[in-house]
């Protein structure tokens, strides 16, 4: 995020429902549970 912000490039963080993420810079997408769902 730090380096992407320096370049002005948007970041999307993808995680499953067992993780809790928060970001002031990135868009966070929480994907339903399931094998390889995030991938």
ModelCIF file with pLDDT and N, C-alpha, C, O atoms, coordinates in Angstrom:
data_MODEL
#
_entry.id   MODEL 
#
_entity.id                         1 
_entity.type                       polymer 
_entity.pdbx_number_of_molecules   1 
#
_entity_poly.entity_id                      1 
_entity_poly.type                           'polypeptide(L)' 
_entity_poly.nstd_linkage                   no 
_entity_poly.nstd_monomer                   no 
_entity_poly.pdbx_seq_one_letter_code       
;(UNK)(UNK)(UNK)(UNK)(UNK)(UNK)(UNK)(UNK)(UNK)(UNK)(UNK)(UNK)(UNK)(UNK)(UNK)(UNK)
(UNK)(UNK)(UNK)(UNK)(UNK)(UNK)(UNK)(UNK)(UNK)(UNK)(UNK)(UNK)(UNK)(UNK)(UNK)(UNK)
(UNK)(UNK)(UNK)(UNK)(UNK)(UNK)(UNK)
;
_entity_poly.pdbx_seq_one_letter_code_can   XXXXXXXXXXXXXXXXXXXXXXXXXXXXXXXXXXXXXXX 
_entity_poly.pdbx_strand_id                 A 
#
loop_
_entity_poly_seq.entity_id 
_entity_poly_seq.num 
_entity_poly_seq.mon_id 
_entity_poly_seq.hetero 
1 1  UNK n 
1 2  UNK n 
1 3  UNK n 
1 4  UNK n 
1 5  UNK n 
1 6  UNK n 
1 7  UNK n 
1 8  UNK n 
1 9  UNK n 
1 10 UNK n 
1 11 UNK n 
1 12 UNK n 
1 13 UNK n 
1 14 UNK n 
1 15 UNK n 
1 16 UNK n 
1 17 UNK n 
1 18 UNK n 
1 19 UNK n 
1 20 UNK n 
1 21 UNK n 
1 22 UNK n 
1 23 UNK n 
1 24 UNK n 
1 25 UNK n 
1 26 UNK n 
1 27 UNK n 
1 28 UNK n 
1 29 UNK n 
1 30 UNK n 
1 31 UNK n 
1 32 UNK n 
1 33 UNK n 
1 34 UNK n 
1 35 UNK n 
1 36 UNK n 
1 37 UNK n 
1 38 UNK n 
1 39 UNK n 
#
_struct_asym.id          A 
_struct_asym.entity_id   1 
#
loop_
_ma_qa_metric.id 
_ma_qa_metric.mode 
_ma_qa_metric.name 
_ma_qa_metric.software_group_id 
_ma_qa_metric.type 
1 global pLDDT . pLDDT 
2 local  pLDDT . pLDDT 
#
_ma_qa_metric_global.metric_id      1 
_ma_qa_metric_global.metric_value   92.46 
_ma_qa_metric_global.model_id       1 
_ma_qa_metric_global.ordinal_id     1 
#
loop_
_ma_qa_metric_local.label_asym_id 
_ma_qa_metric_local.label_comp_id 
_ma_qa_metric_local.label_seq_id 
_ma_qa_metric_local.metric_id 
_ma_qa_metric_local.metric_value 
_ma_qa_metric_local.model_id 
_ma_qa_metric_local.ordinal_id 
A UNK 1  2 98.00 1 1  
A UNK 2  2 97.00 1 2  
A UNK 3  2 97.00 1 3  
A UNK 4  2 97.00 1 4  
A UNK 5  2 97.00 1 5  
A UNK 6  2 96.00 1 6  
A UNK 7  2 95.00 1 7  
A UNK 8  2 96.00 1 8  
A UNK 9  2 97.00 1 9  
A UNK 10 2 98.00 1 10 
A UNK 11 2 98.00 1 11 
A UNK 12 2 98.00 1 12 
A UNK 13 2 97.00 1 13 
A UNK 14 2 96.00 1 14 
A UNK 15 2 93.00 1 15 
A UNK 16 2 91.00 1 16 
A UNK 17 2 89.00 1 17 
A UNK 18 2 84.00 1 18 
A UNK 19 2 83.00 1 19 
A UNK 20 2 82.00 1 20 
A UNK 21 2 91.00 1 21 
A UNK 22 2 92.00 1 22 
A UNK 23 2 95.00 1 23 
A UNK 24 2 95.00 1 24 
A UNK 25 2 97.00 1 25 
A UNK 26 2 97.00 1 26 
A UNK 27 2 97.00 1 27 
A UNK 28 2 96.00 1 28 
A UNK 29 2 96.00 1 29 
A UNK 30 2 94.00 1 30 
A UNK 31 2 93.00 1 31 
A UNK 32 2 85.00 1 32 
A UNK 33 2 74.00 1 33 
A UNK 34 2 78.00 1 34 
A UNK 35 2 77.00 1 35 
A UNK 36 2 89.00 1 36 
A UNK 37 2 93.00 1 37 
A UNK 38 2 94.00 1 38 
A UNK 39 2 94.00 1 39 
#
loop_
_atom_site.group_PDB 
_atom_site.id 
_atom_site.type_symbol 
_atom_site.label_atom_id 
_atom_site.label_alt_id 
_atom_site.label_comp_id 
_atom_site.label_asym_id 
_atom_site.label_entity_id 
_atom_site.label_seq_id 
_atom_site.pdbx_PDB_ins_code 
_atom_site.Cartn_x 
_atom_site.Cartn_y 
_atom_site.Cartn_z 
_atom_site.occupancy 
_atom_site.B_iso_or_equiv 
_atom_site.pdbx_formal_charge 
_atom_site.auth_seq_id 
_atom_site.auth_comp_id 
_atom_site.auth_asym_id 
_atom_site.auth_atom_id 
_atom_site.pdbx_PDB_model_num 
ATOM 1   N N  . UNK A 1 1  ? 0.817   -1.210  0.000  1.00 98.00 ? 1  UNK A N  1 
ATOM 2   C CA . UNK A 1 1  ? 0.000   0.000   0.000  1.00 98.00 ? 1  UNK A CA 1 
ATOM 3   C C  . UNK A 1 1  ? 0.856   1.268   0.000  1.00 98.00 ? 1  UNK A C  1 
ATOM 4   O O  . UNK A 1 1  ? 0.566   2.221   -0.723 1.00 98.00 ? 1  UNK A O  1 
ATOM 5   N N  . UNK A 1 2  ? 1.896   1.269   0.805  1.00 97.00 ? 2  UNK A N  1 
ATOM 6   C CA . UNK A 1 2  ? 2.754   2.460   0.904  1.00 97.00 ? 2  UNK A CA 1 
ATOM 7   C C  . UNK A 1 2  ? 3.381   2.800   -0.446 1.00 97.00 ? 2  UNK A C  1 
ATOM 8   O O  . UNK A 1 2  ? 3.360   3.953   -0.876 1.00 97.00 ? 2  UNK A O  1 
ATOM 9   N N  . UNK A 1 3  ? 3.932   1.796   -1.102 1.00 97.00 ? 3  UNK A N  1 
ATOM 10  C CA . UNK A 1 3  ? 4.602   2.027   -2.386 1.00 97.00 ? 3  UNK A CA 1 
ATOM 11  C C  . UNK A 1 3  ? 3.571   2.332   -3.473 1.00 97.00 ? 3  UNK A C  1 
ATOM 12  O O  . UNK A 1 3  ? 3.802   3.206   -4.309 1.00 97.00 ? 3  UNK A O  1 
ATOM 13  N N  . UNK A 1 4  ? 2.445   1.628   -3.473 1.00 97.00 ? 4  UNK A N  1 
ATOM 14  C CA . UNK A 1 4  ? 1.401   1.879   -4.472 1.00 97.00 ? 4  UNK A CA 1 
ATOM 15  C C  . UNK A 1 4  ? 0.873   3.299   -4.347 1.00 97.00 ? 4  UNK A C  1 
ATOM 16  O O  . UNK A 1 4  ? 0.611   3.956   -5.355 1.00 97.00 ? 4  UNK A O  1 
ATOM 17  N N  . UNK A 1 5  ? 0.716   3.771   -3.133 1.00 97.00 ? 5  UNK A N  1 
ATOM 18  C CA . UNK A 1 5  ? 0.218   5.128   -2.927 1.00 97.00 ? 5  UNK A CA 1 
ATOM 19  C C  . UNK A 1 5  ? 1.198   6.155   -3.480 1.00 97.00 ? 5  UNK A C  1 
ATOM 20  O O  . UNK A 1 5  ? 0.781   7.167   -4.043 1.00 97.00 ? 5  UNK A O  1 
ATOM 21  N N  . UNK A 1 6  ? 2.502   5.904   -3.325 1.00 96.00 ? 6  UNK A N  1 
ATOM 22  C CA . UNK A 1 6  ? 3.521   6.801   -3.889 1.00 96.00 ? 6  UNK A CA 1 
ATOM 23  C C  . UNK A 1 6  ? 3.374   6.915   -5.405 1.00 96.00 ? 6  UNK A C  1 
ATOM 24  O O  . UNK A 1 6  ? 3.614   7.978   -5.977 1.00 96.00 ? 6  UNK A O  1 
ATOM 25  N N  . UNK A 1 7  ? 2.982   5.823   -6.049 1.00 95.00 ? 7  UNK A N  1 
ATOM 26  C CA . UNK A 1 7  ? 2.821   5.795   -7.503 1.00 95.00 ? 7  UNK A CA 1 
ATOM 27  C C  . UNK A 1 7  ? 1.393   6.129   -7.937 1.00 95.00 ? 7  UNK A C  1 
ATOM 28  O O  . UNK A 1 7  ? 1.121   6.260   -9.130 1.00 95.00 ? 7  UNK A O  1 
ATOM 29  N N  . UNK A 1 8  ? 0.484   6.267   -6.974 1.00 96.00 ? 8  UNK A N  1 
ATOM 30  C CA . UNK A 1 8  ? -0.909  6.569   -7.301 1.00 96.00 ? 8  UNK A CA 1 
ATOM 31  C C  . UNK A 1 8  ? -1.641  5.419   -7.972 1.00 96.00 ? 8  UNK A C  1 
ATOM 32  O O  . UNK A 1 8  ? -2.515  5.634   -8.812 1.00 96.00 ? 8  UNK A O  1 
ATOM 33  N N  . UNK A 1 9  ? -1.283  4.207   -7.601 1.00 97.00 ? 9  UNK A N  1 
ATOM 34  C CA . UNK A 1 9  ? -1.900  3.022   -8.204 1.00 97.00 ? 9  UNK A CA 1 
ATOM 35  C C  . UNK A 1 9  ? -2.908  2.443   -7.216 1.00 97.00 ? 9  UNK A C  1 
ATOM 36  O O  . UNK A 1 9  ? -2.572  2.234   -6.051 1.00 97.00 ? 9  UNK A O  1 
ATOM 37  N N  . UNK A 1 10 ? -4.132  2.180   -7.658 1.00 98.00 ? 10 UNK A N  1 
ATOM 38  C CA . UNK A 1 10 ? -5.136  1.607   -6.755 1.00 98.00 ? 10 UNK A CA 1 
ATOM 39  C C  . UNK A 1 10 ? -4.794  0.167   -6.370 1.00 98.00 ? 10 UNK A C  1 
ATOM 40  O O  . UNK A 1 10 ? -4.214  -0.586  -7.152 1.00 98.00 ? 10 UNK A O  1 
ATOM 41  N N  . UNK A 1 11 ? -5.173  -0.190  -5.138 1.00 98.00 ? 11 UNK A N  1 
ATOM 42  C CA . UNK A 1 11 ? -4.921  -1.524  -4.604 1.00 98.00 ? 11 UNK A CA 1 
ATOM 43  C C  . UNK A 1 11 ? -6.251  -2.142  -4.183 1.00 98.00 ? 11 UNK A C  1 
ATOM 44  O O  . UNK A 1 11 ? -7.096  -1.480  -3.581 1.00 98.00 ? 11 UNK A O  1 
ATOM 45  N N  . UNK A 1 12 ? -6.419  -3.408  -4.508 1.00 98.00 ? 12 UNK A N  1 
ATOM 46  C CA . UNK A 1 12 ? -7.575  -4.172  -4.050 1.00 98.00 ? 12 UNK A CA 1 
ATOM 47  C C  . UNK A 1 12 ? -7.052  -5.347  -3.235 1.00 98.00 ? 12 UNK A C  1 
ATOM 48  O O  . UNK A 1 12 ? -6.278  -6.166  -3.730 1.00 98.00 ? 12 UNK A O  1 
ATOM 49  N N  . UNK A 1 13 ? -7.482  -5.419  -1.985 1.00 97.00 ? 13 UNK A N  1 
ATOM 50  C CA . UNK A 1 13 ? -7.119  -6.522  -1.094 1.00 97.00 ? 13 UNK A CA 1 
ATOM 51  C C  . UNK A 1 13 ? -8.268  -7.521  -1.101 1.00 97.00 ? 13 UNK A C  1 
ATOM 52  O O  . UNK A 1 13 ? -9.415  -7.153  -0.845 1.00 97.00 ? 13 UNK A O  1 
ATOM 53  N N  . UNK A 1 14 ? -7.966  -8.779  -1.391 1.00 96.00 ? 14 UNK A N  1 
ATOM 54  C CA . UNK A 1 14 ? -8.998  -9.812  -1.394 1.00 96.00 ? 14 UNK A CA 1 
ATOM 55  C C  . UNK A 1 14 ? -8.702  -10.816 -0.296 1.00 96.00 ? 14 UNK A C  1 
ATOM 56  O O  . UNK A 1 14 ? -7.588  -11.329 -0.194 1.00 96.00 ? 14 UNK A O  1 
ATOM 57  N N  . UNK A 1 15 ? -9.706  -11.094 0.528  1.00 93.00 ? 15 UNK A N  1 
ATOM 58  C CA . UNK A 1 15 ? -9.529  -12.069 1.602  1.00 93.00 ? 15 UNK A CA 1 
ATOM 59  C C  . UNK A 1 15 ? -10.835 -12.828 1.803  1.00 93.00 ? 15 UNK A C  1 
ATOM 60  O O  . UNK A 1 15 ? -11.885 -12.418 1.307  1.00 93.00 ? 15 UNK A O  1 
ATOM 61  N N  . UNK A 1 16 ? -10.760 -13.929 2.530  1.00 91.00 ? 16 UNK A N  1 
ATOM 62  C CA . UNK A 1 16 ? -11.983 -14.682 2.795  1.00 91.00 ? 16 UNK A CA 1 
ATOM 63  C C  . UNK A 1 16 ? -12.606 -14.214 4.106  1.00 91.00 ? 16 UNK A C  1 
ATOM 64  O O  . UNK A 1 16 ? -12.080 -13.332 4.784  1.00 91.00 ? 16 UNK A O  1 
ATOM 65  N N  . UNK A 1 17 ? -13.718 -14.814 4.439  1.00 89.00 ? 17 UNK A N  1 
ATOM 66  C CA . UNK A 1 17 ? -14.489 -14.353 5.595  1.00 89.00 ? 17 UNK A CA 1 
ATOM 67  C C  . UNK A 1 17 ? -13.824 -14.659 6.928  1.00 89.00 ? 17 UNK A C  1 
ATOM 68  O O  . UNK A 1 17 ? -14.280 -14.161 7.958  1.00 89.00 ? 17 UNK A O  1 
ATOM 69  N N  . UNK A 1 18 ? -12.774 -15.451 6.945  1.00 84.00 ? 18 UNK A N  1 
ATOM 70  C CA . UNK A 1 18 ? -12.094 -15.745 8.208  1.00 84.00 ? 18 UNK A CA 1 
ATOM 71  C C  . UNK A 1 18 ? -11.036 -14.697 8.551  1.00 84.00 ? 18 UNK A C  1 
ATOM 72  O O  . UNK A 1 18 ? -10.397 -14.790 9.599  1.00 84.00 ? 18 UNK A O  1 
ATOM 73  N N  . UNK A 1 19 ? -10.844 -13.709 7.687  1.00 83.00 ? 19 UNK A N  1 
ATOM 74  C CA . UNK A 1 19 ? -9.889  -12.633 7.941  1.00 83.00 ? 19 UNK A CA 1 
ATOM 75  C C  . UNK A 1 19 ? -10.627 -11.304 8.011  1.00 83.00 ? 19 UNK A C  1 
ATOM 76  O O  . UNK A 1 19 ? -11.611 -11.082 7.306  1.00 83.00 ? 19 UNK A O  1 
ATOM 77  N N  . UNK A 1 20 ? -10.137 -10.437 8.867  1.00 82.00 ? 20 UNK A N  1 
ATOM 78  C CA . UNK A 1 20 ? -10.718 -9.109  8.985  1.00 82.00 ? 20 UNK A CA 1 
ATOM 79  C C  . UNK A 1 20 ? -9.657  -8.106  8.562  1.00 82.00 ? 20 UNK A C  1 
ATOM 80  O O  . UNK A 1 20 ? -8.606  -7.999  9.193  1.00 82.00 ? 20 UNK A O  1 
ATOM 81  N N  . UNK A 1 21 ? -9.937  -7.376  7.497  1.00 91.00 ? 21 UNK A N  1 
ATOM 82  C CA . UNK A 1 21 ? -8.992  -6.383  7.002  1.00 91.00 ? 21 UNK A CA 1 
ATOM 83  C C  . UNK A 1 21 ? -9.665  -5.026  6.950  1.00 91.00 ? 21 UNK A C  1 
ATOM 84  O O  . UNK A 1 21 ? -10.864 -4.907  6.697  1.00 91.00 ? 21 UNK A O  1 
ATOM 85  N N  . UNK A 1 22 ? -8.869  -4.024  7.194  1.00 92.00 ? 22 UNK A N  1 
ATOM 86  C CA . UNK A 1 22 ? -9.323  -2.641  7.073  1.00 92.00 ? 22 UNK A CA 1 
ATOM 87  C C  . UNK A 1 22 ? -8.184  -1.862  6.440  1.00 92.00 ? 22 UNK A C  1 
ATOM 88  O O  . UNK A 1 22 ? -7.016  -2.101  6.750  1.00 92.00 ? 22 UNK A O  1 
ATOM 89  N N  . UNK A 1 23 ? -8.512  -0.947  5.569  1.00 95.00 ? 23 UNK A N  1 
ATOM 90  C CA . UNK A 1 23 ? -7.478  -0.144  4.937  1.00 95.00 ? 23 UNK A CA 1 
ATOM 91  C C  . UNK A 1 23 ? -8.012  1.246   4.647  1.00 95.00 ? 23 UNK A C  1 
ATOM 92  O O  . UNK A 1 23 ? -9.158  1.416   4.233  1.00 95.00 ? 23 UNK A O  1 
ATOM 93  N N  . UNK A 1 24 ? -7.171  2.226   4.869  1.00 95.00 ? 24 UNK A N  1 
ATOM 94  C CA . UNK A 1 24 ? -7.531  3.593   4.504  1.00 95.00 ? 24 UNK A CA 1 
ATOM 95  C C  . UNK A 1 24 ? -7.183  3.883   3.048  1.00 95.00 ? 24 UNK A C  1 
ATOM 96  O O  . UNK A 1 24 ? -7.674  4.857   2.479  1.00 95.00 ? 24 UNK A O  1 
ATOM 97  N N  . UNK A 1 25 ? -6.347  3.055   2.444  1.00 97.00 ? 25 UNK A N  1 
ATOM 98  C CA . UNK A 1 25 ? -5.936  3.285   1.057  1.00 97.00 ? 25 UNK A CA 1 
ATOM 99  C C  . UNK A 1 25 ? -6.617  2.313   0.086  1.00 97.00 ? 25 UNK A C  1 
ATOM 100 O O  . UNK A 1 25 ? -7.129  2.725   -0.954 1.00 97.00 ? 25 UNK A O  1 
ATOM 101 N N  . UNK A 1 26 ? -6.619  1.063   0.422  1.00 97.00 ? 26 UNK A N  1 
ATOM 102 C CA . UNK A 1 26 ? -7.078  0.023   -0.502 1.00 97.00 ? 26 UNK A CA 1 
ATOM 103 C C  . UNK A 1 26 ? -8.568  -0.237  -0.408 1.00 97.00 ? 26 UNK A C  1 
ATOM 104 O O  . UNK A 1 26 ? -9.215  0.026   0.606  1.00 97.00 ? 26 UNK A O  1 
ATOM 105 N N  . UNK A 1 27 ? -9.088  -0.768  -1.511 1.00 97.00 ? 27 UNK A N  1 
ATOM 106 C CA . UNK A 1 27 ? -10.441 -1.324  -1.493 1.00 97.00 ? 27 UNK A CA 1 
ATOM 107 C C  . UNK A 1 27 ? -10.303 -2.744  -0.945 1.00 97.00 ? 27 UNK A C  1 
ATOM 108 O O  . UNK A 1 27 ? -9.431  -3.495  -1.381 1.00 97.00 ? 27 UNK A O  1 
ATOM 109 N N  . UNK A 1 28 ? -11.153 -3.110  -0.001 1.00 96.00 ? 28 UNK A N  1 
ATOM 110 C CA . UNK A 1 28 ? -11.119 -4.448  0.590  1.00 96.00 ? 28 UNK A CA 1 
ATOM 111 C C  . UNK A 1 28 ? -12.328 -5.222  0.088  1.00 96.00 ? 28 UNK A C  1 
ATOM 112 O O  . UNK A 1 28 ? -13.468 -4.772  0.208  1.00 96.00 ? 28 UNK A O  1 
ATOM 113 N N  . UNK A 1 29 ? -12.059 -6.398  -0.477 1.00 96.00 ? 29 UNK A N  1 
ATOM 114 C CA . UNK A 1 29 ? -13.143 -7.274  -0.934 1.00 96.00 ? 29 UNK A CA 1 
ATOM 115 C C  . UNK A 1 29 ? -13.081 -8.554  -0.111 1.00 96.00 ? 29 UNK A C  1 
ATOM 116 O O  . UNK A 1 29 ? -12.090 -9.283  -0.138 1.00 96.00 ? 29 UNK A O  1 
ATOM 117 N N  . UNK A 1 30 ? -14.155 -8.809  0.614  1.00 94.00 ? 30 UNK A N  1 
ATOM 118 C CA . UNK A 1 30 ? -14.243 -10.033 1.404  1.00 94.00 ? 30 UNK A CA 1 
ATOM 119 C C  . UNK A 1 30 ? -15.053 -11.036 0.599  1.00 94.00 ? 30 UNK A C  1 
ATOM 120 O O  . UNK A 1 30 ? -16.204 -10.790 0.239  1.00 94.00 ? 30 UNK A O  1 
ATOM 121 N N  . UNK A 1 31 ? -14.430 -12.157 0.329  1.00 93.00 ? 31 UNK A N  1 
ATOM 122 C CA . UNK A 1 31 ? -15.004 -13.181 -0.539 1.00 93.00 ? 31 UNK A CA 1 
ATOM 123 C C  . UNK A 1 31 ? -15.520 -14.315 0.331  1.00 93.00 ? 31 UNK A C  1 
ATOM 124 O O  . UNK A 1 31 ? -14.878 -14.687 1.313  1.00 93.00 ? 31 UNK A O  1 
ATOM 125 N N  . UNK A 1 32 ? -16.655 -14.856 -0.016 1.00 85.00 ? 32 UNK A N  1 
ATOM 126 C CA . UNK A 1 32 ? -17.228 -15.962 0.739  1.00 85.00 ? 32 UNK A CA 1 
ATOM 127 C C  . UNK A 1 32 ? -16.250 -17.115 0.896  1.00 85.00 ? 32 UNK A C  1 
ATOM 128 O O  . UNK A 1 32 ? -15.339 -17.304 0.091  1.00 85.00 ? 32 UNK A O  1 
ATOM 129 N N  . UNK A 1 33 ? -16.465 -17.869 1.947  1.00 74.00 ? 33 UNK A N  1 
ATOM 130 C CA . UNK A 1 33 ? -15.595 -19.007 2.228  1.00 74.00 ? 33 UNK A CA 1 
ATOM 131 C C  . UNK A 1 33 ? -15.709 -20.048 1.119  1.00 74.00 ? 33 UNK A C  1 
ATOM 132 O O  . UNK A 1 33 ? -16.706 -20.104 0.399  1.00 74.00 ? 33 UNK A O  1 
ATOM 133 N N  . UNK A 1 34 ? -14.708 -20.838 1.002  1.00 78.00 ? 34 UNK A N  1 
ATOM 134 C CA . UNK A 1 34 ? -14.697 -21.897 -0.003 1.00 78.00 ? 34 UNK A CA 1 
ATOM 135 C C  . UNK A 1 34 ? -13.295 -22.051 -0.537 1.00 78.00 ? 34 UNK A C  1 
ATOM 136 O O  . UNK A 1 34 ? -12.539 -21.086 -0.646 1.00 78.00 ? 34 UNK A O  1 
ATOM 137 N N  . UNK A 1 35 ? -12.965 -23.279 -0.868 1.00 77.00 ? 35 UNK A N  1 
ATOM 138 C CA . UNK A 1 35 ? -11.627 -23.556 -1.378 1.00 77.00 ? 35 UNK A CA 1 
ATOM 139 C C  . UNK A 1 35 ? -11.367 -22.728 -2.631 1.00 77.00 ? 35 UNK A C  1 
ATOM 140 O O  . UNK A 1 35 ? -12.123 -22.804 -3.599 1.00 77.00 ? 35 UNK A O  1 
ATOM 141 N N  . UNK A 1 36 ? -10.321 -21.955 -2.610 1.00 89.00 ? 36 UNK A N  1 
ATOM 142 C CA . UNK A 1 36 ? -9.865  -21.157 -3.747 1.00 89.00 ? 36 UNK A CA 1 
ATOM 143 C C  . UNK A 1 36 ? -10.813 -20.028 -4.158 1.00 89.00 ? 36 UNK A C  1 
ATOM 144 O O  . UNK A 1 36 ? -10.649 -19.460 -5.238 1.00 89.00 ? 36 UNK A O  1 
ATOM 145 N N  . UNK A 1 37 ? -11.788 -19.695 -3.334 1.00 93.00 ? 37 UNK A N  1 
ATOM 146 C CA . UNK A 1 37 ? -12.748 -18.637 -3.682 1.00 93.00 ? 37 UNK A CA 1 
ATOM 147 C C  . UNK A 1 37 ? -12.035 -17.301 -3.893 1.00 93.00 ? 37 UNK A C  1 
ATOM 148 O O  . UNK A 1 37 ? -12.338 -16.575 -4.839 1.00 93.00 ? 37 UNK A O  1 
ATOM 149 N N  . UNK A 1 38 ? -11.091 -16.981 -3.014 1.00 94.00 ? 38 UNK A N  1 
ATOM 150 C CA . UNK A 1 38 ? -10.351 -15.723 -3.146 1.00 94.00 ? 38 UNK A CA 1 
ATOM 151 C C  . UNK A 1 38 ? -9.515  -15.736 -4.425 1.00 94.00 ? 38 UNK A C  1 
ATOM 152 O O  . UNK A 1 38 ? -9.445  -14.735 -5.138 1.00 94.00 ? 38 UNK A O  1 
ATOM 153 N N  . UNK A 1 39 ? -8.887  -16.866 -4.707 1.00 94.00 ? 39 UNK A N  1 
ATOM 154 C CA . UNK A 1 39 ? -8.056  -16.980 -5.909 1.00 94.00 ? 39 UNK A CA 1 
ATOM 155 C C  . UNK A 1 39 ? -8.885  -16.728 -7.168 1.00 94.00 ? 39 UNK A C  1 
ATOM 156 O O  . UNK A 1 39 ? -8.354  -16.782 -8.277 1.00 94.00 ? 39 UNK A O  1 
#
